[in-house]
């Protein structure tokens, strides 16, 4: 699994390669956030404003280019990777702060959102993505930005619960391909929505939003 969500730079490199097209045309500069962040080049921000089908096209183009099999993670793979052996709400522990991740750390009374979780403090609301790896914290698997920044597409079709879910982490399909799980929370979510266990079906697969990105997985070959 990728250490970071796919960046704007990585997206541009593949989306601009029309010779690699499999099914869809891609906008090589699709992201809403186009300015540097605290002096860090904008291209290090995670790509956003990408729907599920476009994320799949990216994976297929990258696979075509490299000869390896890149894909979106299953929901089970995503949570396993996020938790990295932990059972707490966040891989950091029982709570989270805006010094560890990018989320809405301020209270919003109108929307009934709290900027804190458990006994954790409130923090800041950056109102935008941050460059990947900005916080310089990783989980036990070496993965960064698993909580907050951008929501991440999973490959599965949406299920309301885990009843009859595959026990081996494989894709879970049900014939309804209109929605897929989004995991991890984002810069615009309060911390409750950034928990390891939280899953969202708010957006359909064909939706674009400035808080939706993705992370990729590379299947290992038999001899790897």
C-alpha atoms as a PDB file:
ATOM      1  CA  UNK A   1       0.000   0.000   0.000  1.00  0.00           C
ATOM      2  CA  UNK A   2       1.188   3.515  -0.757  1.00  0.00           C
ATOM      3  CA  UNK A   3       2.748   5.317   2.182  1.00  0.00           C
ATOM      4  CA  UNK A   4       0.785   8.437   1.216  1.00  0.00           C
ATOM      5  CA  UNK A   5      -2.376   9.249  -0.698  1.00  0.00           C
ATOM      6  CA  UNK A   6      -1.660   9.817  -4.397  1.00  0.00           C
ATOM      7  CA  UNK A   7      -0.232  13.316  -4.806  1.00  0.00           C
ATOM      8  CA  UNK A   8      -1.131  15.944  -7.370  1.00  0.00           C
ATOM      9  CA  UNK A   9       2.276  15.368  -8.959  1.00  0.00           C
ATOM     10  CA  UNK A  10       1.744  11.619  -9.268  1.00  0.00           C
ATOM     11  CA  UNK A  11      -1.738  12.166 -10.632  1.00  0.00           C
ATOM     12  CA  UNK A  12      -0.477  14.638 -13.244  1.00  0.00           C
ATOM     13  CA  UNK A  13       2.244  12.227 -14.386  1.00  0.00           C
ATOM     14  CA  UNK A  14      -0.265   9.478 -15.173  1.00  0.00           C
ATOM     15  CA  UNK A  15      -3.368  11.505 -16.103  1.00  0.00           C
ATOM     16  CA  UNK A  16      -1.412  13.395 -18.762  1.00  0.00           C
ATOM     17  CA  UNK A  17      -0.387  10.144 -20.461  1.00  0.00           C
ATOM     18  CA  UNK A  18      -3.185   9.834 -22.997  1.00  0.00           C
ATOM     19  CA  UNK A  19      -1.262   7.010 -24.649  1.00  0.00           C
ATOM     20  CA  UNK A  20      -1.990   4.894 -21.560  1.00  0.00           C
ATOM     21  CA  UNK A  21      -5.760   5.476 -21.631  1.00  0.00           C
ATOM     22  CA  UNK A  22      -7.791   2.371 -20.767  1.00  0.00           C
ATOM     23  CA  UNK A  23     -11.401   3.567 -20.454  1.00  0.00           C
ATOM     24  CA  UNK A  24     -11.552   7.226 -19.428  1.00  0.00           C
ATOM     25  CA  UNK A  25      -9.997  10.579 -20.222  1.00  0.00           C
ATOM     26  CA  UNK A  26      -8.476  12.196 -17.129  1.00  0.00           C
ATOM     27  CA  UNK A  27      -8.016  15.849 -16.217  1.00  0.00           C
ATOM     28  CA  UNK A  28      -4.338  16.147 -15.316  1.00  0.00           C
ATOM     29  CA  UNK A  29      -4.979  19.176 -13.081  1.00  0.00           C
ATOM     30  CA  UNK A  30      -8.268  18.254 -11.444  1.00  0.00           C
ATOM     31  CA  UNK A  31      -7.526  19.398  -7.883  1.00  0.00           C
ATOM     32  CA  UNK A  32      -9.228  22.380  -6.271  1.00  0.00           C
ATOM     33  CA  UNK A  33      -6.246  23.349  -4.104  1.00  0.00           C
ATOM     34  CA  UNK A  34      -3.594  24.751  -6.444  1.00  0.00           C
ATOM     35  CA  UNK A  35      -1.455  26.979  -4.211  1.00  0.00           C
ATOM     36  CA  UNK A  36       1.705  26.132  -2.224  1.00  0.00           C
ATOM     37  CA  UNK A  37       1.172  25.379   1.463  1.00  0.00           C
ATOM     38  CA  UNK A  38       3.576  27.073   3.885  1.00  0.00           C
ATOM     39  CA  UNK A  39       6.205  27.187   1.171  1.00  0.00           C
ATOM     40  CA  UNK A  40       5.723  23.547   0.172  1.00  0.00           C
ATOM     41  CA  UNK A  41       5.057  22.961  -3.517  1.00  0.00           C
ATOM     42  CA  UNK A  42       1.365  22.443  -4.337  1.00  0.00           C
ATOM     43  CA  UNK A  43       2.162  19.249  -6.221  1.00  0.00           C
ATOM     44  CA  UNK A  44       2.923  17.543  -2.911  1.00  0.00           C
ATOM     45  CA  UNK A  45      -0.664  17.986  -1.808  1.00  0.00           C
ATOM     46  CA  UNK A  46      -2.878  14.910  -2.198  1.00  0.00           C
ATOM     47  CA  UNK A  47      -4.890  14.921  -5.390  1.00  0.00           C
ATOM     48  CA  UNK A  48      -8.602  15.492  -4.769  1.00  0.00           C
ATOM     49  CA  UNK A  49     -11.726  16.051  -6.817  1.00  0.00           C
ATOM     50  CA  UNK A  50     -11.314  12.523  -8.219  1.00  0.00           C
ATOM     51  CA  UNK A  51     -14.265  10.147  -8.504  1.00  0.00           C
ATOM     52  CA  UNK A  52     -14.069   6.373  -8.045  1.00  0.00           C
ATOM     53  CA  UNK A  53     -13.979   5.581 -11.763  1.00  0.00           C
ATOM     54  CA  UNK A  54     -11.124   8.032 -12.338  1.00  0.00           C
ATOM     55  CA  UNK A  55      -9.157   6.538  -9.449  1.00  0.00           C
ATOM     56  CA  UNK A  56      -9.592   3.098 -11.032  1.00  0.00           C
ATOM     57  CA  UNK A  57      -8.460   4.489 -14.411  1.00  0.00           C
ATOM     58  CA  UNK A  58      -5.329   5.871 -12.729  1.00  0.00           C
ATOM     59  CA  UNK A  59      -4.550   2.433 -11.296  1.00  0.00           C
ATOM     60  CA  UNK A  60      -5.121   0.747 -14.650  1.00  0.00           C
ATOM     61  CA  UNK A  61      -2.871   3.218 -16.468  1.00  0.00           C
ATOM     62  CA  UNK A  62      -0.123   2.806 -13.880  1.00  0.00           C
ATOM     63  CA  UNK A  63      -0.431  -0.971 -14.192  1.00  0.00           C
ATOM     64  CA  UNK A  64      -0.166  -0.691 -17.970  1.00  0.00           C
ATOM     65  CA  UNK A  65       2.925   1.513 -17.675  1.00  0.00           C
ATOM     66  CA  UNK A  66       4.784  -0.607 -15.129  1.00  0.00           C
ATOM     67  CA  UNK A  67       3.601  -4.146 -15.839  1.00  0.00           C
ATOM     68  CA  UNK A  68       2.546  -4.483 -12.199  1.00  0.00           C
ATOM     69  CA  UNK A  69      -0.986  -4.717 -10.806  1.00  0.00           C
ATOM     70  CA  UNK A  70      -1.999  -1.488  -9.078  1.00  0.00           C
ATOM     71  CA  UNK A  71      -5.499  -1.085  -7.666  1.00  0.00           C
ATOM     72  CA  UNK A  72      -7.610   0.515  -4.962  1.00  0.00           C
ATOM     73  CA  UNK A  73      -7.517  -1.286  -1.604  1.00  0.00           C
ATOM     74  CA  UNK A  74     -10.449  -3.316  -0.376  1.00  0.00           C
ATOM     75  CA  UNK A  75     -12.158  -1.802   2.651  1.00  0.00           C
ATOM     76  CA  UNK A  76     -10.776  -4.594   4.845  1.00  0.00           C
ATOM     77  CA  UNK A  77      -7.255  -3.953   3.571  1.00  0.00           C
ATOM     78  CA  UNK A  78      -7.631  -0.230   4.199  1.00  0.00           C
ATOM     79  CA  UNK A  79      -8.709  -0.627   7.828  1.00  0.00           C
ATOM     80  CA  UNK A  80      -6.070  -3.269   8.522  1.00  0.00           C
ATOM     81  CA  UNK A  81      -3.414  -0.942   7.128  1.00  0.00           C
ATOM     82  CA  UNK A  82      -4.743   2.060   9.043  1.00  0.00           C
ATOM     83  CA  UNK A  83      -4.917   0.286  12.387  1.00  0.00           C
ATOM     84  CA  UNK A  84      -1.487  -1.322  12.010  1.00  0.00           C
ATOM     85  CA  UNK A  85      -2.231  -3.674  14.883  1.00  0.00           C
ATOM     86  CA  UNK A  86      -4.017  -1.150  17.102  1.00  0.00           C
ATOM     87  CA  UNK A  87      -7.537  -1.421  18.526  1.00  0.00           C
ATOM     88  CA  UNK A  88      -7.895   2.212  19.619  1.00  0.00           C
ATOM     89  CA  UNK A  89     -10.060   4.784  17.793  1.00  0.00           C
ATOM     90  CA  UNK A  90      -6.963   6.130  16.013  1.00  0.00           C
ATOM     91  CA  UNK A  91      -3.652   4.452  15.329  1.00  0.00           C
ATOM     92  CA  UNK A  92      -2.172   7.227  17.497  1.00  0.00           C
ATOM     93  CA  UNK A  93      -4.239   6.050  20.481  1.00  0.00           C
ATOM     94  CA  UNK A  94      -7.469   7.049  22.196  1.00  0.00           C
ATOM     95  CA  UNK A  95      -7.635  10.533  20.706  1.00  0.00           C
ATOM     96  CA  UNK A  96      -6.111  12.800  18.081  1.00  0.00           C
ATOM     97  CA  UNK A  97      -4.941  16.412  17.741  1.00  0.00           C
ATOM     98  CA  UNK A  98      -4.453  18.789  14.841  1.00  0.00           C
ATOM     99  CA  UNK A  99      -0.714  18.540  15.470  1.00  0.00           C
ATOM    100  CA  UNK A 100      -0.970  14.927  14.284  1.00  0.00           C
ATOM    101  CA  UNK A 101      -3.456  15.154  11.416  1.00  0.00           C
ATOM    102  CA  UNK A 102      -5.405  17.563   9.217  1.00  0.00           C
ATOM    103  CA  UNK A 103      -9.086  17.744  10.200  1.00  0.00           C
ATOM    104  CA  UNK A 104     -11.620  20.276  11.464  1.00  0.00           C
ATOM    105  CA  UNK A 105     -10.325  20.948  14.960  1.00  0.00           C
ATOM    106  CA  UNK A 106     -12.763  23.737  15.821  1.00  0.00           C
ATOM    107  CA  UNK A 107     -16.327  23.521  17.026  1.00  0.00           C
ATOM    108  CA  UNK A 108     -19.216  24.243  14.667  1.00  0.00           C
ATOM    109  CA  UNK A 109     -22.412  24.758  16.672  1.00  0.00           C
ATOM    110  CA  UNK A 110     -24.629  25.131  13.599  1.00  0.00           C
ATOM    111  CA  UNK A 111     -23.484  21.803  12.169  1.00  0.00           C
ATOM    112  CA  UNK A 112     -23.196  20.271  15.655  1.00  0.00           C
ATOM    113  CA  UNK A 113     -19.578  19.326  15.076  1.00  0.00           C
ATOM    114  CA  UNK A 114     -17.020  19.079  17.860  1.00  0.00           C
ATOM    115  CA  UNK A 115     -13.400  19.893  17.245  1.00  0.00           C
ATOM    116  CA  UNK A 116     -12.215  17.318  19.768  1.00  0.00           C
ATOM    117  CA  UNK A 117     -12.546  13.586  20.400  1.00  0.00           C
ATOM    118  CA  UNK A 118     -12.695  11.965  23.847  1.00  0.00           C
ATOM    119  CA  UNK A 119     -10.392  13.822  26.202  1.00  0.00           C
ATOM    120  CA  UNK A 120      -8.383  15.331  23.379  1.00  0.00           C
ATOM    121  CA  UNK A 121      -8.104  19.108  22.885  1.00  0.00           C
ATOM    122  CA  UNK A 122      -9.690  21.233  20.221  1.00  0.00           C
ATOM    123  CA  UNK A 123      -7.316  22.560  17.596  1.00  0.00           C
ATOM    124  CA  UNK A 124      -7.202  24.455  14.339  1.00  0.00           C
ATOM    125  CA  UNK A 125      -9.221  24.233  11.138  1.00  0.00           C
ATOM    126  CA  UNK A 126      -6.946  24.656   8.136  1.00  0.00           C
ATOM    127  CA  UNK A 127      -9.802  24.604   5.598  1.00  0.00           C
ATOM    128  CA  UNK A 128      -7.655  22.904   2.959  1.00  0.00           C
ATOM    129  CA  UNK A 129      -5.472  19.888   2.276  1.00  0.00           C
ATOM    130  CA  UNK A 130      -1.917  19.718   3.575  1.00  0.00           C
ATOM    131  CA  UNK A 131       1.040  18.227   1.675  1.00  0.00           C
ATOM    132  CA  UNK A 132       1.384  14.485   2.219  1.00  0.00           C
ATOM    133  CA  UNK A 133       3.700  13.638   5.104  1.00  0.00           C
ATOM    134  CA  UNK A 134       3.355  17.183   6.464  1.00  0.00           C
ATOM    135  CA  UNK A 135       3.005  15.963  10.051  1.00  0.00           C
ATOM    136  CA  UNK A 136       5.960  13.568   9.878  1.00  0.00           C
ATOM    137  CA  UNK A 137       4.074  10.873  11.818  1.00  0.00           C
ATOM    138  CA  UNK A 138       3.507   7.342  10.545  1.00  0.00           C
ATOM    139  CA  UNK A 139       1.775   4.287  11.959  1.00  0.00           C
ATOM    140  CA  UNK A 140       3.514   1.007  12.790  1.00  0.00           C
ATOM    141  CA  UNK A 141       3.284  -0.017   9.126  1.00  0.00           C
ATOM    142  CA  UNK A 142       5.015   3.193   8.029  1.00  0.00           C
ATOM    143  CA  UNK A 143       1.860   4.729   6.530  1.00  0.00           C
ATOM    144  CA  UNK A 144       1.113   8.450   6.702  1.00  0.00           C
ATOM    145  CA  UNK A 145      -2.076  10.540   6.444  1.00  0.00           C
ATOM    146  CA  UNK A 146      -4.415   7.640   7.264  1.00  0.00           C
ATOM    147  CA  UNK A 147      -6.489   9.984   9.460  1.00  0.00           C
ATOM    148  CA  UNK A 148      -7.801  13.179   7.856  1.00  0.00           C
ATOM    149  CA  UNK A 149      -6.528  15.221   4.881  1.00  0.00           C
ATOM    150  CA  UNK A 150      -8.575  13.456   2.154  1.00  0.00           C
ATOM    151  CA  UNK A 151     -11.197  10.737   2.182  1.00  0.00           C
ATOM    152  CA  UNK A 152      -9.911   7.656   0.382  1.00  0.00           C
ATOM    153  CA  UNK A 153     -11.841   5.473  -2.056  1.00  0.00           C
ATOM    154  CA  UNK A 154     -12.008   1.722  -1.479  1.00  0.00           C
ATOM    155  CA  UNK A 155     -12.643  -0.801  -4.236  1.00  0.00           C
ATOM    156  CA  UNK A 156     -15.627  -2.576  -2.672  1.00  0.00           C
ATOM    157  CA  UNK A 157     -19.286  -1.881  -3.250  1.00  0.00           C
ATOM    158  CA  UNK A 158     -21.058  -0.401  -0.233  1.00  0.00           C
ATOM    159  CA  UNK A 159     -22.589  -2.626   2.469  1.00  0.00           C
ATOM    160  CA  UNK A 160     -24.465  -1.269   5.479  1.00  0.00           C
ATOM    161  CA  UNK A 161     -22.697  -3.648   7.870  1.00  0.00           C
ATOM    162  CA  UNK A 162     -20.101  -6.422   7.940  1.00  0.00           C
ATOM    163  CA  UNK A 163     -22.515  -9.357   8.039  1.00  0.00           C
ATOM    164  CA  UNK A 164     -21.296 -12.073   5.617  1.00  0.00           C
ATOM    165  CA  UNK A 165     -18.210 -10.051   4.742  1.00  0.00           C
ATOM    166  CA  UNK A 166     -15.264 -11.993   3.235  1.00  0.00           C
ATOM    167  CA  UNK A 167     -12.909 -13.209   5.952  1.00  0.00           C
ATOM    168  CA  UNK A 168      -9.798 -12.970   3.773  1.00  0.00           C
ATOM    169  CA  UNK A 169      -9.821  -9.235   3.000  1.00  0.00           C
ATOM    170  CA  UNK A 170     -10.922  -9.682  -0.616  1.00  0.00           C
ATOM    171  CA  UNK A 171     -13.278  -7.310  -2.428  1.00  0.00           C
ATOM    172  CA  UNK A 172     -16.871  -7.490  -1.258  1.00  0.00           C
ATOM    173  CA  UNK A 173     -19.316  -7.144  -4.145  1.00  0.00           C
ATOM    174  CA  UNK A 174     -23.119  -7.214  -4.102  1.00  0.00           C
ATOM    175  CA  UNK A 175     -24.155  -6.110  -7.581  1.00  0.00           C
ATOM    176  CA  UNK A 176     -24.853  -2.511  -6.505  1.00  0.00           C
ATOM    177  CA  UNK A 177     -22.011  -0.489  -7.929  1.00  0.00           C
ATOM    178  CA  UNK A 178     -23.401   2.997  -7.272  1.00  0.00           C
ATOM    179  CA  UNK A 179     -21.439   3.567  -4.052  1.00  0.00           C
ATOM    180  CA  UNK A 180     -18.115   2.543  -2.568  1.00  0.00           C
ATOM    181  CA  UNK A 181     -16.785   3.099   0.956  1.00  0.00           C
ATOM    182  CA  UNK A 182     -14.728   6.182   1.710  1.00  0.00           C
ATOM    183  CA  UNK A 183     -12.361   5.904   4.646  1.00  0.00           C
ATOM    184  CA  UNK A 184     -10.089   8.029   6.807  1.00  0.00           C
ATOM    185  CA  UNK A 185     -11.978  11.305   7.096  1.00  0.00           C
ATOM    186  CA  UNK A 186     -10.713  14.577   5.653  1.00  0.00           C
ATOM    187  CA  UNK A 187      -9.636  18.161   6.272  1.00  0.00           C
ATOM    188  CA  UNK A 188     -13.292  19.220   6.554  1.00  0.00           C
ATOM    189  CA  UNK A 189     -14.405  16.480   8.979  1.00  0.00           C
ATOM    190  CA  UNK A 190     -14.503  16.603  12.739  1.00  0.00           C
ATOM    191  CA  UNK A 191     -12.300  13.965  14.429  1.00  0.00           C
ATOM    192  CA  UNK A 192     -15.123  11.477  14.975  1.00  0.00           C
ATOM    193  CA  UNK A 193     -15.234  10.928  11.208  1.00  0.00           C
ATOM    194  CA  UNK A 194     -11.485  10.332  11.061  1.00  0.00           C
ATOM    195  CA  UNK A 195     -11.493   7.224  13.274  1.00  0.00           C
ATOM    196  CA  UNK A 196      -9.978   3.984  11.988  1.00  0.00           C
ATOM    197  CA  UNK A 197     -13.411   2.330  12.056  1.00  0.00           C
ATOM    198  CA  UNK A 198     -15.469   5.107  10.493  1.00  0.00           C
ATOM    199  CA  UNK A 199     -16.864   4.411   7.036  1.00  0.00           C
ATOM    200  CA  UNK A 200     -18.779   6.790   4.787  1.00  0.00           C
ATOM    201  CA  UNK A 201     -21.221   6.206   1.926  1.00  0.00           C
ATOM    202  CA  UNK A 202     -22.128   9.876   1.557  1.00  0.00           C
ATOM    203  CA  UNK A 203     -20.749  10.199  -1.976  1.00  0.00           C
ATOM    204  CA  UNK A 204     -21.595   8.097  -5.014  1.00  0.00           C
ATOM    205  CA  UNK A 205     -18.876   6.640  -7.191  1.00  0.00           C
ATOM    206  CA  UNK A 206     -19.342   9.313  -9.862  1.00  0.00           C
ATOM    207  CA  UNK A 207     -19.161  12.228  -7.407  1.00  0.00           C
ATOM    208  CA  UNK A 208     -16.300  14.723  -7.280  1.00  0.00           C
ATOM    209  CA  UNK A 209     -15.389  16.742  -4.206  1.00  0.00           C
ATOM    210  CA  UNK A 210     -12.407  18.705  -2.935  1.00  0.00           C
ATOM    211  CA  UNK A 211     -12.084  16.342   0.028  1.00  0.00           C
ATOM    212  CA  UNK A 212     -11.947  13.016  -1.871  1.00  0.00           C
ATOM    213  CA  UNK A 213      -8.682  11.378  -2.926  1.00  0.00           C
ATOM    214  CA  UNK A 214      -7.304   7.853  -2.909  1.00  0.00           C
ATOM    215  CA  UNK A 215      -4.382   5.605  -2.056  1.00  0.00           C
ATOM    216  CA  UNK A 216      -3.208   2.649  -4.096  1.00  0.00           C
ATOM    217  CA  UNK A 217      -2.087  -0.929  -3.518  1.00  0.00           C
ATOM    218  CA  UNK A 218       0.380  -2.926  -5.597  1.00  0.00           C
ATOM    219  CA  UNK A 219      -0.203  -6.670  -5.666  1.00  0.00           C
ATOM    220  CA  UNK A 220       2.953  -8.667  -5.098  1.00  0.00           C
ATOM    221  CA  UNK A 221       3.968 -11.220  -7.690  1.00  0.00           C
ATOM    222  CA  UNK A 222       4.564 -14.862  -6.849  1.00  0.00           C
ATOM    223  CA  UNK A 223       8.322 -14.359  -6.640  1.00  0.00           C
ATOM    224  CA  UNK A 224       8.256 -11.034  -4.775  1.00  0.00           C
END
